[in-house]
Amino acid sequence: MIRLESSGSCEEKMSKNPLTLIMGNNKFNGTIYNGWLRNLTIVLDFENQDYVLDKTLPTALPEGSSLEERITFKKWLEDNRKVRNIILASMNNDI
């Protein structure tokens, strides 16, 4: 059953996107890295969060930053946290 509440484990939150089942069913165990990375890229692309893999963390915002800059910075931080959790949840516990 898919849970839609905002609370719960990372795996429950990942279940909102059926593509994340790919990651849960094909956890990285130290082998077949290219297949795991391909699946990760598919999931993150679907979530529009793949940019955090290629872009550097924005520097701290200077005083007087525009509203748009603050929103962009906050979104990057949130997406980075989500991507980190998806990656960790998609790895075998023994790694």
Protein backbone atom coordinates (compact mmCIF):
# COMPACT_ATOMS: atom_id res chain seq x y z
CA MET A 1 0.00 0.00 0.00
CA ILE A 2 1.31 3.44 -0.89
CA ARG A 3 1.34 5.91 1.99
CA LEU A 4 0.81 9.57 1.23
CA GLU A 5 1.46 11.08 4.67
CA SER A 6 4.44 13.35 5.06
CA SER A 7 5.73 11.43 8.07
CA GLY A 8 7.36 8.05 7.88
CA SER A 9 10.56 6.44 6.78
CA CYS A 10 12.53 7.39 3.70
CA GLU A 11 11.44 4.15 2.02
CA GLU A 12 7.78 5.00 2.65
CA LYS A 13 8.28 8.45 1.15
CA MET A 14 10.11 6.95 -1.82
CA SER A 15 7.06 4.74 -2.48
CA LYS A 16 5.15 7.80 -3.73
CA ASN A 17 7.14 7.44 -6.94
CA PRO A 18 6.74 3.97 -8.46
CA LEU A 19 10.13 4.35 -10.15
CA THR A 20 11.81 4.32 -6.74
CA LEU A 21 10.81 0.66 -6.48
CA ILE A 22 13.61 0.13 -9.01
CA MET A 23 16.07 1.34 -6.40
CA GLY A 24 14.59 -0.72 -3.57
CA ASN A 25 14.55 -3.88 -5.65
CA ASN A 26 18.04 -3.36 -7.09
CA LYS A 27 20.10 -2.14 -4.16
CA PHE A 28 23.75 -1.45 -4.80
CA ASN A 29 25.82 -4.20 -3.20
CA GLY A 30 29.25 -3.33 -4.54
CA THR A 31 28.76 -4.92 -7.96
CA ILE A 32 27.09 -3.81 -11.18
CA TYR A 33 27.67 -0.13 -10.38
CA ASN A 34 26.76 1.04 -13.89
CA GLY A 35 23.31 -0.57 -13.70
CA TRP A 36 22.69 0.91 -10.25
CA LEU A 37 23.80 4.37 -11.42
CA ARG A 38 21.55 4.12 -14.48
CA ASN A 39 18.56 3.29 -12.27
CA LEU A 40 19.44 6.10 -9.87
CA THR A 41 19.65 8.55 -12.77
CA ILE A 42 16.22 7.46 -14.05
CA VAL A 43 14.62 7.99 -10.64
CA LEU A 44 16.28 11.34 -9.99
CA ASP A 45 15.49 12.59 -13.50
CA PHE A 46 11.83 11.69 -12.96
CA GLU A 47 11.89 13.63 -9.68
CA ASN A 48 13.68 16.60 -11.35
CA GLN A 49 16.46 16.25 -8.78
CA ASP A 50 19.27 14.88 -10.94
CA TYR A 51 20.90 18.31 -11.13
CA VAL A 52 22.31 17.96 -7.60
CA LEU A 53 24.61 15.18 -8.84
CA ASP A 54 26.26 17.48 -11.38
CA LYS A 55 26.10 20.91 -9.81
CA THR A 56 28.20 22.18 -6.92
CA LEU A 57 26.50 23.21 -3.71
CA PRO A 58 25.76 26.91 -3.97
CA THR A 59 27.85 29.05 -1.67
CA ALA A 60 26.23 30.65 1.34
CA LEU A 61 23.94 33.45 0.32
CA PRO A 62 25.35 36.93 0.81
CA GLU A 63 23.38 39.56 2.65
CA GLY A 64 20.87 41.23 0.40
CA SER A 65 20.20 38.14 -1.72
CA SER A 66 17.03 38.34 -3.76
CA LEU A 67 13.96 36.29 -2.93
CA GLU A 68 14.57 34.21 -6.06
CA GLU A 69 18.15 33.45 -4.96
CA ARG A 70 16.96 32.42 -1.49
CA ILE A 71 14.25 30.17 -2.94
CA THR A 72 16.72 28.55 -5.35
CA PHE A 73 19.25 28.00 -2.56
CA LYS A 74 16.65 26.46 -0.24
CA LYS A 75 15.35 24.19 -3.02
CA TRP A 76 18.87 22.98 -3.79
CA LEU A 77 19.46 22.15 -0.11
CA GLU A 78 16.14 20.27 0.13
CA ASP A 79 16.70 18.36 -3.12
CA ASN A 80 20.26 17.50 -2.09
CA ARG A 81 18.97 16.04 1.20
CA LYS A 82 16.32 14.00 -0.63
CA VAL A 83 18.83 12.69 -3.18
CA ARG A 84 21.27 11.75 -0.41
CA ASN A 85 18.53 9.75 1.31
CA ILE A 86 17.46 8.03 -1.91
CA ILE A 87 21.07 7.03 -2.54
CA LEU A 88 21.53 5.72 1.00
CA ALA A 89 18.22 3.84 0.92
CA SER A 90 19.22 2.23 -2.38
CA MET A 91 22.45 0.78 -1.03
CA ASN A 92 22.90 -2.56 0.66
CA ASN A 93 23.40 -2.16 4.42
CA ASP A 94 26.72 -4.03 4.22
CA ILE A 95 28.37 -1.29 2.16
